[in-house]
Amino acid sequence: MVADEDGTIVAAALTLERRVGDGELPDAPYLFELFTAASRRRQGLAEQLVRSSMDTLCHSGYDQLCLRIAEDNAAALALYLTLDFNRWVPEDDDY
């Protein structure tokens, strides 16, 4: 979480150890939510939070982090590709 000088949360990430009930995802921690206040976008806060989450997971013995994003979310796609995330498609999909 990132707060401004007044203590107001301006960006946050929520990572789960596993996403329960979704057999299509890899067996890895899951970035469930990532947000940045509109007034604080394009300041690197989302990248900072994802890197921090990845570092914490790495120190806890995990070597993967998975997430889902909409294909039309260009900003999110750019962020995760910049951070060297790989696109993953379940084997039984018809892509």
PDB file of N, CA and C in Angstrom:
ATOM      1  N   MET A   1       0.839  -1.157   0.000  1.00  0.00           N
ATOM      2  CA  MET A   1       0.000   0.000   0.000  1.00  0.00           C
ATOM      3  C   MET A   1       0.898   1.238   0.000  1.00  0.00           C
ATOM      4  N   VAL A   2       0.447   2.284  -0.686  1.00  0.00           N
ATOM      5  CA  VAL A   2       1.153   3.563  -0.726  1.00  0.00           C
ATOM      6  C   VAL A   2       0.175   4.634  -0.255  1.00  0.00           C
ATOM      7  N   ALA A   3       0.603   5.421   0.706  1.00  0.00           N
ATOM      8  CA  ALA A   3      -0.228   6.506   1.230  1.00  0.00           C
ATOM      9  C   ALA A   3       0.456   7.842   0.947  1.00  0.00           C
ATOM     10  N   ASP A   4      -0.350   8.895   0.808  1.00  0.00           N
ATOM     11  CA  ASP A   4       0.223  10.220   0.624  1.00  0.00           C
ATOM     12  C   ASP A   4       0.598  10.829   1.968  1.00  0.00           C
ATOM     13  N   GLU A   5       1.043  12.048   1.961  1.00  0.00           N
ATOM     14  CA  GLU A   5       1.506  12.698   3.180  1.00  0.00           C
ATOM     15  C   GLU A   5       0.414  12.870   4.233  1.00  0.00           C
ATOM     16  N   ASP A   6      -0.852  12.803   3.822  1.00  0.00           N
ATOM     17  CA  ASP A   6      -1.975  12.899   4.762  1.00  0.00           C
ATOM     18  C   ASP A   6      -2.428  11.533   5.269  1.00  0.00           C
ATOM     19  N   GLY A   7      -1.795  10.469   4.786  1.00  0.00           N
ATOM     20  CA  GLY A   7      -2.177   9.128   5.192  1.00  0.00           C
ATOM     21  C   GLY A   7      -3.266   8.511   4.340  1.00  0.00           C
ATOM     22  N   THR A   8      -3.678   9.210   3.296  1.00  0.00           N
ATOM     23  CA  THR A   8      -4.697   8.689   2.379  1.00  0.00           C
ATOM     24  C   THR A   8      -4.068   7.652   1.458  1.00  0.00           C
ATOM     25  N   ILE A   9      -4.686   6.483   1.367  1.00  0.00           N
ATOM     26  CA  ILE A   9      -4.177   5.428   0.479  1.00  0.00           C
ATOM     27  C   ILE A   9      -4.370   5.866  -0.968  1.00  0.00           C
ATOM     28  N   VAL A  10      -3.290   5.881  -1.729  1.00  0.00           N
ATOM     29  CA  VAL A  10      -3.349   6.301  -3.125  1.00  0.00           C
ATOM     30  C   VAL A  10      -3.045   5.161  -4.093  1.00  0.00           C
ATOM     31  N   ALA A  11      -2.533   4.055  -3.575  1.00  0.00           N
ATOM     32  CA  ALA A  11      -2.264   2.878  -4.406  1.00  0.00           C
ATOM     33  C   ALA A  11      -2.165   1.674  -3.479  1.00  0.00           C
ATOM     34  N   ALA A  12      -2.618   0.534  -3.992  1.00  0.00           N
ATOM     35  CA  ALA A  12      -2.567  -0.680  -3.171  1.00  0.00           C
ATOM     36  C   ALA A  12      -2.581  -1.912  -4.056  1.00  0.00           C
ATOM     37  N   ALA A  13      -2.042  -2.986  -3.502  1.00  0.00           N
ATOM     38  CA  ALA A  13      -2.053  -4.286  -4.171  1.00  0.00           C
ATOM     39  C   ALA A  13      -2.489  -5.322  -3.150  1.00  0.00           C
ATOM     40  N   LEU A  14      -3.261  -6.285  -3.617  1.00  0.00           N
ATOM     41  CA  LEU A  14      -3.691  -7.402  -2.778  1.00  0.00           C
ATOM     42  C   LEU A  14      -3.279  -8.682  -3.487  1.00  0.00           C
ATOM     43  N   THR A  15      -2.420  -9.442  -2.831  1.00  0.00           N
ATOM     44  CA  THR A  15      -1.933 -10.699  -3.389  1.00  0.00           C
ATOM     45  C   THR A  15      -2.398 -11.844  -2.508  1.00  0.00           C
ATOM     46  N   LEU A  16      -2.944 -12.881  -3.128  1.00  0.00           N
ATOM     47  CA  LEU A  16      -3.404 -14.067  -2.423  1.00  0.00           C
ATOM     48  C   LEU A  16      -2.391 -15.187  -2.607  1.00  0.00           C
ATOM     49  N   GLU A  17      -2.286 -16.050  -1.588  1.00  0.00           N
ATOM     50  CA  GLU A  17      -1.377 -17.185  -1.723  1.00  0.00           C
ATOM     51  C   GLU A  17      -1.810 -18.081  -2.881  1.00  0.00           C
ATOM     52  N   ARG A  18      -3.063 -18.285  -3.025  1.00  0.00           N
ATOM     53  CA  ARG A  18      -3.640 -19.058  -4.132  1.00  0.00           C
ATOM     54  C   ARG A  18      -5.044 -18.537  -4.400  1.00  0.00           C
ATOM     55  N   ARG A  19      -5.461 -18.557  -5.639  1.00  0.00           N
ATOM     56  CA  ARG A  19      -6.850 -18.245  -5.954  1.00  0.00           C
ATOM     57  C   ARG A  19      -7.623 -19.549  -5.905  1.00  0.00           C
ATOM     58  N   VAL A  20      -8.525 -19.651  -4.975  1.00  0.00           N
ATOM     59  CA  VAL A  20      -9.287 -20.878  -4.744  1.00  0.00           C
ATOM     60  C   VAL A  20     -10.446 -20.957  -5.730  1.00  0.00           C
ATOM     61  N   GLY A  21     -10.684 -22.151  -6.232  1.00  0.00           N
ATOM     62  CA  GLY A  21     -11.851 -22.391  -7.070  1.00  0.00           C
ATOM     63  C   GLY A  21     -11.679 -22.066  -8.527  1.00  0.00           C
ATOM     64  N   ASP A  22     -10.496 -21.811  -8.976  1.00  0.00           N
ATOM     65  CA  ASP A  22     -10.264 -21.528 -10.388  1.00  0.00           C
ATOM     66  C   ASP A  22      -9.141 -22.428 -10.880  1.00  0.00           C
ATOM     67  N   GLY A  23      -9.505 -23.614 -11.330  1.00  0.00           N
ATOM     68  CA  GLY A  23      -8.530 -24.605 -11.751  1.00  0.00           C
ATOM     69  C   GLY A  23      -7.763 -24.247 -13.000  1.00  0.00           C
ATOM     70  N   GLU A  24      -8.149 -23.158 -13.689  1.00  0.00           N
ATOM     71  CA  GLU A  24      -7.461 -22.783 -14.922  1.00  0.00           C
ATOM     72  C   GLU A  24      -6.156 -22.039 -14.682  1.00  0.00           C
ATOM     73  N   LEU A  25      -5.954 -21.524 -13.495  1.00  0.00           N
ATOM     74  CA  LEU A  25      -4.757 -20.732 -13.228  1.00  0.00           C
ATOM     75  C   LEU A  25      -3.606 -21.606 -12.763  1.00  0.00           C
ATOM     76  N   PRO A  26      -2.382 -21.137 -12.985  1.00  0.00           N
ATOM     77  CA  PRO A  26      -1.225 -21.867 -12.464  1.00  0.00           C
ATOM     78  C   PRO A  26      -1.296 -21.945 -10.937  1.00  0.00           C
ATOM     79  N   ASP A  27      -0.655 -22.926 -10.375  1.00  0.00           N
ATOM     80  CA  ASP A  27      -0.614 -23.095  -8.928  1.00  0.00           C
ATOM     81  C   ASP A  27       0.453 -22.154  -8.376  1.00  0.00           C
ATOM     82  N   ALA A  28       0.092 -20.891  -8.215  1.00  0.00           N
ATOM     83  CA  ALA A  28       1.037 -19.854  -7.806  1.00  0.00           C
ATOM     84  C   ALA A  28       0.276 -18.745  -7.095  1.00  0.00           C
ATOM     85  N   PRO A  29       0.981 -17.891  -6.366  1.00  0.00           N
ATOM     86  CA  PRO A  29       0.309 -16.736  -5.777  1.00  0.00           C
ATOM     87  C   PRO A  29      -0.375 -15.911  -6.858  1.00  0.00           C
ATOM     88  N   TYR A  30      -1.407 -15.199  -6.456  1.00  0.00           N
ATOM     89  CA  TYR A  30      -2.282 -14.504  -7.398  1.00  0.00           C
ATOM     90  C   TYR A  30      -2.417 -13.035  -7.025  1.00  0.00           C
ATOM     91  N   LEU A  31      -2.082 -12.150  -7.944  1.00  0.00           N
ATOM     92  CA  LEU A  31      -2.289 -10.724  -7.745  1.00  0.00           C
ATOM     93  C   LEU A  31      -3.763 -10.438  -8.011  1.00  0.00           C
ATOM     94  N   PHE A  32      -4.522 -10.306  -6.931  1.00  0.00           N
ATOM     95  CA  PHE A  32      -5.975 -10.201  -7.010  1.00  0.00           C
ATOM     96  C   PHE A  32      -6.433  -8.794  -7.379  1.00  0.00           C
ATOM     97  N   GLU A  33      -5.764  -7.796  -6.841  1.00  0.00           N
ATOM     98  CA  GLU A  33      -6.186  -6.416  -7.082  1.00  0.00           C
ATOM     99  C   GLU A  33      -4.977  -5.500  -7.070  1.00  0.00           C
ATOM    100  N   LEU A  34      -4.976  -4.539  -7.969  1.00  0.00           N
ATOM    101  CA  LEU A  34      -3.946  -3.512  -8.017  1.00  0.00           C
ATOM    102  C   LEU A  34      -4.638  -2.237  -8.450  1.00  0.00           C
ATOM    103  N   PHE A  35      -4.533  -1.190  -7.640  1.00  0.00           N
ATOM    104  CA  PHE A  35      -5.156   0.054  -8.053  1.00  0.00           C
ATOM    105  C   PHE A  35      -4.278   1.238  -7.689  1.00  0.00           C
ATOM    106  N   THR A  36      -4.451   2.299  -8.450  1.00  0.00           N
ATOM    107  CA  THR A  36      -3.811   3.579  -8.184  1.00  0.00           C
ATOM    108  C   THR A  36      -4.875   4.645  -8.349  1.00  0.00           C
ATOM    109  N   ALA A  37      -4.951   5.589  -7.416  1.00  0.00           N
ATOM    110  CA  ALA A  37      -5.902   6.700  -7.521  1.00  0.00           C
ATOM    111  C   ALA A  37      -5.643   7.453  -8.820  1.00  0.00           C
ATOM    112  N   ALA A  38      -6.705   7.882  -9.467  1.00  0.00           N
ATOM    113  CA  ALA A  38      -6.575   8.566 -10.753  1.00  0.00           C
ATOM    114  C   ALA A  38      -5.620   9.751 -10.679  1.00  0.00           C
ATOM    115  N   SER A  39      -5.623  10.453  -9.578  1.00  0.00           N
ATOM    116  CA  SER A  39      -4.758  11.628  -9.428  1.00  0.00           C
ATOM    117  C   SER A  39      -3.281  11.271  -9.270  1.00  0.00           C
ATOM    118  N   ARG A  40      -2.969  10.018  -9.053  1.00  0.00           N
ATOM    119  CA  ARG A  40      -1.587   9.584  -8.810  1.00  0.00           C
ATOM    120  C   ARG A  40      -1.071   8.618  -9.880  1.00  0.00           C
ATOM    121  N   ARG A  41      -1.817   8.465 -10.966  1.00  0.00           N
ATOM    122  CA  ARG A  41      -1.378   7.558 -12.030  1.00  0.00           C
ATOM    123  C   ARG A  41      -0.167   8.125 -12.762  1.00  0.00           C
ATOM    124  N   ARG A  42       0.565   7.236 -13.395  1.00  0.00           N
ATOM    125  CA  ARG A  42       1.750   7.556 -14.196  1.00  0.00           C
ATOM    126  C   ARG A  42       2.882   8.100 -13.334  1.00  0.00           C
ATOM    127  N   GLN A  43       2.922   7.644 -12.084  1.00  0.00           N
ATOM    128  CA  GLN A  43       4.009   8.015 -11.177  1.00  0.00           C
ATOM    129  C   GLN A  43       4.829   6.790 -10.761  1.00  0.00           C
ATOM    130  N   GLY A  44       4.524   5.639 -11.346  1.00  0.00           N
ATOM    131  CA  GLY A  44       5.282   4.430 -11.055  1.00  0.00           C
ATOM    132  C   GLY A  44       4.828   3.683  -9.807  1.00  0.00           C
ATOM    133  N   LEU A  45       3.702   4.085  -9.229  1.00  0.00           N
ATOM    134  CA  LEU A  45       3.247   3.442  -7.997  1.00  0.00           C
ATOM    135  C   LEU A  45       2.827   1.994  -8.223  1.00  0.00           C
ATOM    136  N   ALA A  46       2.118   1.719  -9.308  1.00  0.00           N
ATOM    137  CA  ALA A  46       1.688   0.344  -9.592  1.00  0.00           C
ATOM    138  C   ALA A  46       2.903  -0.543  -9.797  1.00  0.00           C
ATOM    139  N   GLU A  47       3.874  -0.078 -10.556  1.00  0.00           N
ATOM    140  CA  GLU A  47       5.094  -0.858 -10.765  1.00  0.00           C
ATOM    141  C   GLU A  47       5.802  -1.102  -9.436  1.00  0.00           C
ATOM    142  N   GLN A  48       5.891  -0.085  -8.615  1.00  0.00           N
ATOM    143  CA  GLN A  48       6.525  -0.219  -7.300  1.00  0.00           C
ATOM    144  C   GLN A  48       5.830  -1.294  -6.471  1.00  0.00           C
ATOM    145  N   LEU A  49       4.507  -1.303  -6.481  1.00  0.00           N
ATOM    146  CA  LEU A  49       3.756  -2.291  -5.697  1.00  0.00           C
ATOM    147  C   LEU A  49       3.932  -3.703  -6.242  1.00  0.00           C
ATOM    148  N   VAL A  50       3.918  -3.851  -7.558  1.00  0.00           N
ATOM    149  CA  VAL A  50       4.095  -5.182  -8.138  1.00  0.00           C
ATOM    150  C   VAL A  50       5.501  -5.694  -7.842  1.00  0.00           C
ATOM    151  N   ARG A  51       6.500  -4.854  -8.002  1.00  0.00           N
ATOM    152  CA  ARG A  51       7.875  -5.264  -7.697  1.00  0.00           C
ATOM    153  C   ARG A  51       8.031  -5.630  -6.223  1.00  0.00           C
ATOM    154  N   SER A  52       7.417  -4.870  -5.355  1.00  0.00           N
ATOM    155  CA  SER A  52       7.473  -5.155  -3.920  1.00  0.00           C
ATOM    156  C   SER A  52       6.800  -6.487  -3.605  1.00  0.00           C
ATOM    157  N   SER A  53       5.648  -6.727  -4.230  1.00  0.00           N
ATOM    158  CA  SER A  53       4.945  -8.003  -4.034  1.00  0.00           C
ATOM    159  C   SER A  53       5.798  -9.162  -4.515  1.00  0.00           C
ATOM    160  N   MET A  54       6.407  -9.004  -5.688  1.00  0.00           N
ATOM    161  CA  MET A  54       7.253 -10.057  -6.234  1.00  0.00           C
ATOM    162  C   MET A  54       8.456 -10.315  -5.332  1.00  0.00           C
ATOM    163  N   ASP A  55       9.050  -9.265  -4.798  1.00  0.00           N
ATOM    164  CA  ASP A  55      10.203  -9.409  -3.913  1.00  0.00           C
ATOM    165  C   ASP A  55       9.815 -10.150  -2.632  1.00  0.00           C
ATOM    166  N   THR A  56       8.692  -9.769  -2.056  1.00  0.00           N
ATOM    167  CA  THR A  56       8.214 -10.437  -0.843  1.00  0.00           C
ATOM    168  C   THR A  56       7.945 -11.912  -1.113  1.00  0.00           C
ATOM    169  N   LEU A  57       7.299 -12.209  -2.235  1.00  0.00           N
ATOM    170  CA  LEU A  57       7.012 -13.598  -2.585  1.00  0.00           C
ATOM    171  C   LEU A  57       8.302 -14.381  -2.811  1.00  0.00           C
ATOM    172  N   CYS A  58       9.258 -13.775  -3.476  1.00  0.00           N
ATOM    173  CA  CYS A  58      10.541 -14.440  -3.728  1.00  0.00           C
ATOM    174  C   CYS A  58      11.222 -14.792  -2.413  1.00  0.00           C
ATOM    175  N   HIS A  59      11.232 -13.872  -1.472  1.00  0.00           N
ATOM    176  CA  HIS A  59      11.847 -14.127  -0.167  1.00  0.00           C
ATOM    177  C   HIS A  59      11.060 -15.153   0.650  1.00  0.00           C
ATOM    178  N   SER A  60       9.818 -15.416   0.236  1.00  0.00           N
ATOM    179  CA  SER A  60       8.994 -16.424   0.913  1.00  0.00           C
ATOM    180  C   SER A  60       9.053 -17.768   0.192  1.00  0.00           C
ATOM    181  N   GLY A  61       9.901 -17.872  -0.853  1.00  0.00           N
ATOM    182  CA  GLY A  61      10.099 -19.141  -1.538  1.00  0.00           C
ATOM    183  C   GLY A  61       9.279 -19.344  -2.794  1.00  0.00           C
ATOM    184  N   TYR A  62       8.568 -18.323  -3.252  1.00  0.00           N
ATOM    185  CA  TYR A  62       7.774 -18.448  -4.479  1.00  0.00           C
ATOM    186  C   TYR A  62       8.558 -17.907  -5.656  1.00  0.00           C
ATOM    187  N   ASP A  63       8.371 -18.524  -6.821  1.00  0.00           N
ATOM    188  CA  ASP A  63       9.071 -18.040  -8.000  1.00  0.00           C
ATOM    189  C   ASP A  63       8.122 -17.610  -9.119  1.00  0.00           C
ATOM    190  N   GLN A  64       6.824 -17.569  -8.821  1.00  0.00           N
ATOM    191  CA  GLN A  64       5.843 -17.136  -9.808  1.00  0.00           C
ATOM    192  C   GLN A  64       4.807 -16.247  -9.149  1.00  0.00           C
ATOM    193  N   LEU A  65       4.154 -15.430  -9.965  1.00  0.00           N
ATOM    194  CA  LEU A  65       3.007 -14.624  -9.570  1.00  0.00           C
ATOM    195  C   LEU A  65       2.096 -14.589 -10.776  1.00  0.00           C
ATOM    196  N   CYS A  66       0.836 -14.909 -10.574  1.00  0.00           N
ATOM    197  CA  CYS A  66      -0.086 -14.883 -11.713  1.00  0.00           C
ATOM    198  C   CYS A  66      -1.181 -13.837 -11.467  1.00  0.00           C
ATOM    199  N   LEU A  67      -1.869 -13.485 -12.536  1.00  0.00           N
ATOM    200  CA  LEU A  67      -2.947 -12.502 -12.477  1.00  0.00           C
ATOM    201  C   LEU A  67      -3.785 -12.630 -13.732  1.00  0.00           C
ATOM    202  N   ARG A  68      -4.906 -11.962 -13.718  1.00  0.00           N
ATOM    203  CA  ARG A  68      -5.750 -11.897 -14.913  1.00  0.00           C
ATOM    204  C   ARG A  68      -6.017 -10.441 -15.220  1.00  0.00           C
ATOM    205  N   ILE A  69      -5.954 -10.109 -16.494  1.00  0.00           N
ATOM    206  CA  ILE A  69      -6.334  -8.767 -16.914  1.00  0.00           C
ATOM    207  C   ILE A  69      -7.140  -8.877 -18.191  1.00  0.00           C
ATOM    208  N   ALA A  70      -7.966  -7.880 -18.423  1.00  0.00           N
ATOM    209  CA  ALA A  70      -8.756  -7.840 -19.652  1.00  0.00           C
ATOM    210  C   ALA A  70      -7.837  -7.527 -20.826  1.00  0.00           C
ATOM    211  N   GLU A  71      -8.051  -8.187 -21.923  1.00  0.00           N
ATOM    212  CA  GLU A  71      -7.212  -7.978 -23.104  1.00  0.00           C
ATOM    213  C   GLU A  71      -7.260  -6.542 -23.609  1.00  0.00           C
ATOM    214  N   ASP A  72      -8.327  -5.805 -23.303  1.00  0.00           N
ATOM    215  CA  ASP A  72      -8.438  -4.432 -23.783  1.00  0.00           C
ATOM    216  C   ASP A  72      -7.869  -3.411 -22.792  1.00  0.00           C
ATOM    217  N   ASN A  73      -7.235  -3.870 -21.720  1.00  0.00           N
ATOM    218  CA  ASN A  73      -6.627  -2.976 -20.737  1.00  0.00           C
ATOM    219  C   ASN A  73      -5.169  -2.735 -21.129  1.00  0.00           C
ATOM    220  N   ALA A  74      -4.984  -1.802 -22.060  1.00  0.00           N
ATOM    221  CA  ALA A  74      -3.661  -1.560 -22.631  1.00  0.00           C
ATOM    222  C   ALA A  74      -2.647  -1.123 -21.582  1.00  0.00           C
ATOM    223  N   ALA A  75      -3.051  -0.304 -20.634  1.00  0.00           N
ATOM    224  CA  ALA A  75      -2.122   0.171 -19.606  1.00  0.00           C
ATOM    225  C   ALA A  75      -1.618  -0.985 -18.749  1.00  0.00           C
ATOM    226  N   ALA A  76      -2.524  -1.867 -18.348  1.00  0.00           N
ATOM    227  CA  ALA A  76      -2.130  -3.019 -17.536  1.00  0.00           C
ATOM    228  C   ALA A  76      -1.252  -3.965 -18.343  1.00  0.00           C
ATOM    229  N   LEU A  77      -1.618  -4.227 -19.576  1.00  0.00           N
ATOM    230  CA  LEU A  77      -0.787  -5.090 -20.425  1.00  0.00           C
ATOM    231  C   LEU A  77       0.622  -4.534 -20.545  1.00  0.00           C
ATOM    232  N   ALA A  78       0.744  -3.242 -20.783  1.00  0.00           N
ATOM    233  CA  ALA A  78       2.058  -2.626 -20.913  1.00  0.00           C
ATOM    234  C   ALA A  78       2.856  -2.763 -19.626  1.00  0.00           C
ATOM    235  N   LEU A  79       2.209  -2.524 -18.485  1.00  0.00           N
ATOM    236  CA  LEU A  79       2.894  -2.646 -17.197  1.00  0.00           C
ATOM    237  C   LEU A  79       3.446  -4.049 -16.993  1.00  0.00           C
ATOM    238  N   TYR A  80       2.597  -5.052 -17.161  1.00  0.00           N
ATOM    239  CA  TYR A  80       3.028  -6.412 -16.859  1.00  0.00           C
ATOM    240  C   TYR A  80       4.040  -6.943 -17.872  1.00  0.00           C
ATOM    241  N   LEU A  81       3.925  -6.553 -19.127  1.00  0.00           N
ATOM    242  CA  LEU A  81       4.919  -6.968 -20.110  1.00  0.00           C
ATOM    243  C   LEU A  81       6.263  -6.285 -19.822  1.00  0.00           C
ATOM    244  N   THR A  82       6.232  -5.036 -19.367  1.00  0.00           N
ATOM    245  CA  THR A  82       7.456  -4.340 -18.966  1.00  0.00           C
ATOM    246  C   THR A  82       8.132  -5.053 -17.804  1.00  0.00           C
ATOM    247  N   LEU A  83       7.329  -5.646 -16.922  1.00  0.00           N
ATOM    248  CA  LEU A  83       7.858  -6.357 -15.757  1.00  0.00           C
ATOM    249  C   LEU A  83       8.189  -7.816 -16.071  1.00  0.00           C
ATOM    250  N   ASP A  84       8.223  -8.163 -17.357  1.00  0.00           N
ATOM    251  CA  ASP A  84       8.586  -9.495 -17.843  1.00  0.00           C
ATOM    252  C   ASP A  84       7.595 -10.597 -17.486  1.00  0.00           C
ATOM    253  N   PHE A  85       6.329 -10.236 -17.292  1.00  0.00           N
ATOM    254  CA  PHE A  85       5.303 -11.266 -17.148  1.00  0.00           C
ATOM    255  C   PHE A  85       5.112 -11.913 -18.510  1.00  0.00           C
ATOM    256  N   ASN A  86       4.731 -13.169 -18.510  1.00  0.00           N
ATOM    257  CA  ASN A  86       4.459 -13.894 -19.743  1.00  0.00           C
ATOM    258  C   ASN A  86       2.970 -14.150 -19.859  1.00  0.00           C
ATOM    259  N   ARG A  87       2.471 -14.064 -21.081  1.00  0.00           N
ATOM    260  CA  ARG A  87       1.067 -14.423 -21.300  1.00  0.00           C
ATOM    261  C   ARG A  87       0.939 -15.931 -21.172  1.00  0.00           C
ATOM    262  N   TRP A  88      -0.125 -16.345 -20.516  1.00  0.00           N
ATOM    263  CA  TRP A  88      -0.378 -17.766 -20.320  1.00  0.00           C
ATOM    264  C   TRP A  88      -1.793 -18.058 -20.783  1.00  0.00           C
ATOM    265  N   VAL A  89      -1.934 -19.090 -21.580  1.00  0.00           N
ATOM    266  CA  VAL A  89      -3.241 -19.522 -22.070  1.00  0.00           C
ATOM    267  C   VAL A  89      -3.423 -20.972 -21.662  1.00  0.00           C
ATOM    268  N   PRO A  90      -4.536 -21.294 -20.981  1.00  0.00           N
ATOM    269  CA  PRO A  90      -4.763 -22.707 -20.599  1.00  0.00           C
ATOM    270  C   PRO A  90      -4.691 -23.604 -21.817  1.00  0.00           C
ATOM    271  N   GLU A  91      -4.198 -24.801 -21.608  1.00  0.00           N
ATOM    272  CA  GLU A  91      -3.997 -25.738 -22.719  1.00  0.00           C
ATOM    273  C   GLU A  91      -5.276 -26.057 -23.474  1.00  0.00           C
ATOM    274  N   ASP A  92      -6.428 -26.022 -22.794  1.00  0.00           N
ATOM    275  CA  ASP A  92      -7.674 -26.405 -23.463  1.00  0.00           C
ATOM    276  C   ASP A  92      -8.385 -25.231 -24.113  1.00  0.00           C
ATOM    277  N   ASP A  93      -7.779 -24.020 -24.147  1.00  0.00           N
ATOM    278  CA  ASP A  93      -8.386 -22.890 -24.809  1.00  0.00           C
ATOM    279  C   ASP A  93      -8.219 -23.009 -26.315  1.00  0.00           C
ATOM    280  N   ASP A  94      -9.094 -22.378 -27.059  1.00  0.00           N
ATOM    281  CA  ASP A  94      -9.082 -22.452 -28.520  1.00  0.00           C
ATOM    282  C   ASP A  94      -8.451 -21.217 -29.155  1.00  0.00           C
ATOM    283  N   TYR A  95      -7.383 -20.684 -28.588  1.00  0.00           N
ATOM    284  CA  TYR A  95      -6.768 -19.479 -29.152  1.00  0.00           C
ATOM    285  C   TYR A  95      -5.957 -19.781 -30.348  1.00  0.00           C
TER     286      TYR A  95
END
